[in-house]
Protein backbone atom coordinates (compact mmCIF):
# COMPACT_ATOMS: atom_id res chain seq x y z
CA MET A 1 -35.30 -36.45 37.23
CA VAL A 2 -35.29 -38.98 34.24
CA GLU A 3 -37.24 -42.20 35.07
CA ASP A 4 -35.51 -45.40 34.47
CA GLU A 5 -37.33 -47.28 31.85
CA LYS A 6 -36.75 -50.66 33.66
CA ALA A 7 -38.17 -49.33 36.81
CA GLU A 8 -41.48 -51.34 38.06
CA VAL A 9 -44.22 -48.62 38.98
CA LEU A 10 -45.75 -49.59 42.27
CA LYS A 11 -48.29 -46.87 42.58
CA ASP A 12 -48.98 -43.93 40.28
CA GLU A 13 -50.22 -40.67 41.69
CA SER A 14 -48.34 -38.69 39.10
CA THR A 15 -49.77 -39.18 35.69
CA PRO A 16 -52.87 -36.91 36.49
CA ILE A 17 -50.64 -34.23 37.49
CA TYR A 18 -48.84 -34.26 34.18
CA LYS A 19 -52.13 -34.11 32.34
CA LYS A 20 -53.09 -31.07 34.56
CA TRP A 21 -49.90 -29.59 33.91
CA GLU A 22 -50.45 -29.09 29.91
CA THR A 23 -52.94 -26.48 31.12
CA TRP A 24 -50.80 -25.00 33.70
CA ALA A 25 -47.88 -24.75 31.29
CA ARG A 26 -49.83 -22.72 28.79
CA THR A 27 -51.04 -20.31 31.44
CA GLY A 28 -47.74 -19.73 32.98
CA ASN A 29 -45.57 -19.22 29.93
CA PHE A 30 -43.64 -16.37 31.23
CA ARG A 31 -45.01 -13.92 28.76
CA VAL A 32 -46.11 -10.56 30.30
CA GLU A 33 -49.76 -10.44 30.87
CA GLY A 34 -50.19 -7.16 32.61
CA TYR A 35 -48.13 -4.06 33.68
CA LYS A 36 -48.46 -0.69 35.70
CA PHE A 37 -46.36 2.33 36.16
CA ILE A 38 -45.59 3.66 39.74
CA ARG A 39 -43.55 6.51 41.15
CA ALA A 40 -41.43 5.63 43.88
CA PRO A 41 -38.06 6.83 45.68
CA CYS A 42 -34.71 5.98 43.87
CA GLY A 43 -30.98 6.93 44.29
CA PRO A 44 -28.64 7.09 47.23
CA GLY A 45 -29.17 8.64 50.53
CA ARG A 46 -32.15 8.47 52.97
CA ILE A 47 -35.41 7.45 51.61
CA GLU A 48 -37.09 10.60 52.76
CA ASP A 49 -34.74 12.75 50.89
CA ALA A 50 -34.56 10.59 47.70
CA LYS A 51 -35.84 11.94 44.28
CA LYS A 52 -38.57 9.93 42.73
CA GLY A 53 -38.41 8.02 39.41
CA GLU A 54 -41.03 6.32 37.34
CA PHE A 55 -40.88 2.48 37.29
CA MET A 56 -42.83 -0.09 35.16
CA LEU A 57 -43.99 -3.15 36.88
CA VAL A 58 -44.99 -6.16 34.87
CA ASN A 59 -46.86 -9.43 35.57
CA ARG A 60 -45.05 -12.48 34.12
CA PRO A 61 -46.89 -15.67 35.17
CA HIS A 62 -44.54 -18.49 35.52
CA GLY A 63 -44.82 -22.14 36.75
CA ALA A 64 -42.65 -25.23 36.81
CA LEU A 65 -43.45 -28.64 37.76
CA TYR A 66 -40.65 -29.94 39.73
CA THR A 67 -40.12 -33.85 39.61
CA HIS A 68 -37.37 -35.30 41.86
CA SER A 69 -36.68 -38.39 43.89
CA TYR A 70 -36.40 -38.98 47.61
CA GLY A 71 -33.60 -41.33 46.82
CA LEU A 72 -32.53 -43.66 49.72
CA VAL A 73 -34.70 -41.92 52.14
CA SER A 74 -37.91 -42.77 50.23
CA LYS A 75 -39.20 -45.08 53.07
CA PHE A 76 -39.48 -42.11 55.36
CA PHE A 77 -42.09 -40.22 53.07
CA LYS A 78 -43.74 -43.29 52.42
CA GLY A 79 -44.33 -43.86 56.07
CA LEU A 80 -45.68 -40.59 56.37
CA ILE A 81 -48.50 -41.61 53.90
CA GLU A 82 -48.95 -44.78 55.94
CA LYS A 83 -49.15 -42.73 59.31
CA LYS A 84 -45.95 -44.04 60.49
CA LEU A 85 -42.75 -42.32 61.49
CA TYR A 86 -39.43 -43.78 60.57
CA GLY A 87 -35.78 -42.96 61.24
CA THR A 88 -32.42 -44.51 60.72
CA LYS A 89 -29.97 -45.73 62.96
CA CYS A 90 -26.17 -46.42 62.64
CA PRO A 91 -25.20 -50.07 63.46
CA GLN A 92 -21.84 -48.77 64.71
CA CYS A 93 -22.28 -45.87 66.96
CA GLY A 94 -26.07 -46.06 67.59
CA THR A 95 -27.06 -42.76 66.52
CA VAL A 96 -30.75 -42.55 65.63
CA TYR A 97 -31.44 -39.86 62.94
CA CYS A 98 -34.96 -38.44 62.25
CA PRO A 99 -35.19 -37.03 59.57
CA PRO A 100 -33.27 -40.04 58.12
CA ARG A 101 -29.88 -40.25 56.69
CA ALA A 102 -28.93 -43.22 54.58
CA HIS A 103 -25.30 -42.99 55.89
CA CYS A 104 -24.00 -42.10 59.34
CA TRP A 105 -22.05 -38.63 59.61
CA ASN A 106 -20.01 -39.64 62.45
CA PRO A 107 -16.46 -39.71 61.09
CA ALA A 108 -15.43 -42.67 63.16
CA CYS A 109 -18.28 -44.78 61.35
CA ARG A 110 -16.60 -44.02 57.90
CA VAL A 111 -20.08 -43.43 56.23
CA ALA A 112 -21.64 -46.56 57.49
CA GLU A 113 -25.11 -47.52 56.02
CA THR A 114 -27.82 -47.03 58.41
CA GLU A 115 -30.84 -49.25 59.29
CA TRP A 116 -34.37 -48.16 59.34
CA VAL A 117 -36.20 -48.05 62.59
CA GLU A 118 -39.81 -47.15 63.41
CA LEU A 119 -40.06 -44.42 66.01
CA PRO A 120 -42.95 -43.62 68.54
CA LEU A 121 -45.21 -40.67 67.60
CA LYS A 122 -43.93 -38.57 70.52
CA GLY A 123 -41.33 -35.69 70.82
CA THR A 124 -40.14 -32.81 72.59
CA VAL A 125 -39.71 -29.12 71.51
CA HIS A 126 -36.16 -28.27 71.01
CA THR A 127 -36.56 -24.78 69.81
CA PHE A 128 -39.42 -22.84 68.06
CA SER A 129 -40.49 -19.79 65.94
CA VAL A 130 -43.84 -18.12 65.89
CA MET A 131 -44.68 -17.57 61.98
CA LEU A 132 -46.51 -14.13 61.63
CA PHE A 133 -45.90 -14.24 57.75
CA SER A 134 -44.87 -16.95 55.29
CA ALA A 135 -44.55 -17.98 51.75
CA ASP A 136 -47.61 -18.10 49.82
CA ALA A 137 -48.21 -22.06 50.23
CA PHE A 138 -48.73 -21.34 53.94
CA LEU A 139 -50.30 -18.02 54.34
CA GLU A 140 -53.75 -19.22 55.33
CA LEU A 141 -52.15 -21.37 58.21
CA LEU A 142 -50.95 -18.17 59.76
CA PRO A 143 -50.19 -17.53 62.45
CA PHE A 144 -48.59 -20.79 63.18
CA VAL A 145 -45.63 -22.35 65.45
CA LEU A 146 -42.81 -23.96 63.59
CA ALA A 147 -40.78 -26.11 65.92
CA TYR A 148 -37.69 -28.39 65.79
CA VAL A 149 -39.00 -31.41 67.36
CA GLN A 150 -36.66 -34.24 69.06
CA ILE A 151 -38.64 -37.51 68.46
CA GLU A 152 -38.39 -39.89 71.11
CA GLY A 153 -35.66 -42.28 70.66
CA SER A 154 -33.83 -39.94 68.12
CA ASP A 155 -30.67 -37.90 68.50
CA THR A 156 -31.57 -35.06 65.91
CA THR A 157 -34.47 -32.79 65.44
CA ILE A 158 -37.02 -32.47 62.64
CA PRO A 159 -38.97 -29.42 61.72
CA MET A 160 -42.85 -29.63 61.88
CA GLN A 161 -45.85 -27.47 62.84
CA VAL A 162 -47.22 -27.49 66.13
CA VAL A 163 -50.89 -26.93 66.34
CA THR A 164 -51.40 -24.54 69.39
CA ALA A 165 -51.68 -21.05 70.36
CA PRO A 166 -48.50 -19.01 69.92
CA THR A 167 -48.71 -18.05 73.57
CA ASN A 168 -48.85 -21.70 74.61
CA ILE A 169 -45.50 -23.26 73.13
CA PHE A 170 -42.28 -23.48 75.22
CA VAL A 171 -38.91 -25.20 74.97
CA GLY A 172 -39.01 -28.72 76.60
CA GLN A 173 -42.54 -29.32 75.92
CA THR A 174 -43.83 -32.83 75.12
CA LEU A 175 -45.72 -33.13 71.84
CA GLU A 176 -47.89 -35.89 70.19
CA ILE A 177 -47.29 -36.47 66.59
CA LYS A 178 -50.49 -36.56 64.33
CA PHE A 179 -51.07 -37.00 60.70
CA ARG A 180 -53.37 -35.14 58.16
CA ASP A 181 -56.27 -36.64 56.47
CA LYS A 182 -54.58 -36.05 53.02
CA ARG A 183 -51.14 -37.11 52.90
CA MET A 184 -48.76 -37.00 49.83
CA GLY A 185 -45.39 -37.85 51.25
CA GLU A 186 -44.08 -34.55 52.44
CA LEU A 187 -43.16 -33.02 55.91
CA MET A 188 -46.51 -31.18 56.20
CA ASP A 189 -48.27 -34.56 56.21
CA MET A 190 -47.72 -34.53 60.07
CA TYR A 191 -47.94 -32.04 62.54
CA ALA A 192 -47.79 -32.05 66.58
CA VAL A 193 -49.93 -31.18 69.28
CA PRO A 194 -48.88 -30.47 73.05
CA VAL A 195 -49.71 -33.12 75.41
CA LYS A 196 -52.02 -31.60 78.10
CA GLY A 197 -51.33 -30.69 81.38
CA GLN A 198 -47.62 -29.81 81.39
CA GLU A 199 -46.29 -27.39 83.72
CA ILE A 200 -44.45 -24.20 82.14
CA PRO A 201 -40.83 -24.10 83.18
CA GLU A 202 -39.81 -21.00 85.27
CA ASP A 203 -37.34 -19.79 82.66
CA SER A 204 -39.92 -19.86 79.85
CA CYS A 205 -40.69 -16.86 77.76
CA LEU A 206 -44.39 -17.52 78.58
CA ASN A 207 -43.56 -16.35 82.13
CA LYS A 208 -42.28 -13.03 80.91
CA PRO A 209 -45.26 -10.38 80.64
CA GLU A 210 -43.28 -8.21 78.24
CA TYR A 211 -43.02 -11.01 75.73
CA LEU A 212 -46.72 -11.87 76.01
CA LYS A 213 -47.35 -8.14 75.47
CA ASP A 214 -45.16 -7.91 72.28
CA MET A 215 -46.65 -11.25 71.01
CA GLU A 216 -50.40 -10.08 71.27
CA ARG A 217 -49.41 -6.90 69.57
CA ASP A 218 -47.70 -8.71 66.73
CA LEU A 219 -50.54 -11.14 66.33
CA GLN A 220 -53.13 -8.13 65.60
CA GLY A 221 -51.17 -7.28 62.59
CA THR A 222 -51.37 -10.86 61.35
CA TYR A 223 -55.13 -11.08 62.11
CA ALA A 224 -55.70 -7.95 60.28
CA TYR A 225 -53.81 -9.02 57.10
CA LEU A 226 -55.41 -12.34 57.02
CA GLU A 227 -59.05 -10.81 57.15
CA LYS A 228 -58.13 -8.40 54.33
CA ARG A 229 -56.58 -11.24 52.29
CA PHE A 230 -58.73 -13.96 52.93
CA GLY A 231 -61.83 -12.94 54.88
CA LEU A 232 -60.57 -14.92 57.95
CA LYS A 233 -61.88 -13.80 61.38
CA LYS A 234 -59.83 -13.94 64.41
CA GLU A 235 -62.17 -16.13 66.26
CA ASP A 236 -62.12 -18.79 63.36
CA ILE A 237 -58.34 -18.79 63.31
CA GLU A 238 -58.09 -19.43 67.09
CA LYS A 239 -60.50 -22.36 66.73
CA ARG A 240 -57.94 -24.20 64.95
CA TRP A 241 -55.72 -24.34 68.20
CA LYS A 242 -58.74 -25.94 70.22
CA GLU A 243 -59.64 -28.67 67.80
C-alpha cells in the first residue's frame, strides 16, 4: 500500500516497526544459510515399496513486512483497540453484519451503503473446531477452541478464540466477549469465554462418551508436542481455561 502524501497522520505505531525491519530484512534475505542431506522414499507406488533417493534440504530465511489498509471497515479494528465491538447495518433491509461490510450484499438493496452500530459484548456459538495443531503464530496457544460466533443483534458470524477446555464447548453456548491487554487492531485482540451455569443440550457431542474418549486421546498428542517444543506442562496449559 502506498500512503497518500496528503493524508493526515492521527496516530503512528508503525514507524518503529520500519526501523526494526531494516534488521529483519538483512537477516531474512532469502540466501541459503544452512543445508542437510537426507535419504527418503521416492517414486510411484506404495511408500513401503518405494526406492530411496538422496535429497538436499536448504534453510532459506525469508521475511516480509506486509503493509495494507483496512479501508472502509477501519472503524471495526479501531474499536477493538478501544474495547468496543462494531458492526454495520443496512438501512434498507436491516441486516446487521459482524464482521462489518461497507455495503449490503442483499441483491435487493443494490449495494446500499451500511451504517455503523455498536454491538453488545455477548454472542452464541454457531459452530466450532478444536485446534490441536496450527500455524507457528498460534502454536503456544494450543490446544484451543476456534468458534464462529453470532454476536447478539447481528445476522452473521465472526471467528474468534473461545478460552475454555476443549471438552466444555457446544453449539448454542452463550459467550461473553473480552479483550486482551495488548491490542493492535486485529481479530486476536478479542476472545470469548462461556457464561457459567449453562446446561449442555441433549444432542451435544459432549454427551457422547466416544467423542470425549477420542478427544482426550488426541489431546495427549498435543500435550506431548507442546512439552517437547516449548517445555509447557499439561497442568500449566489447563490453567488457561480456568483463569
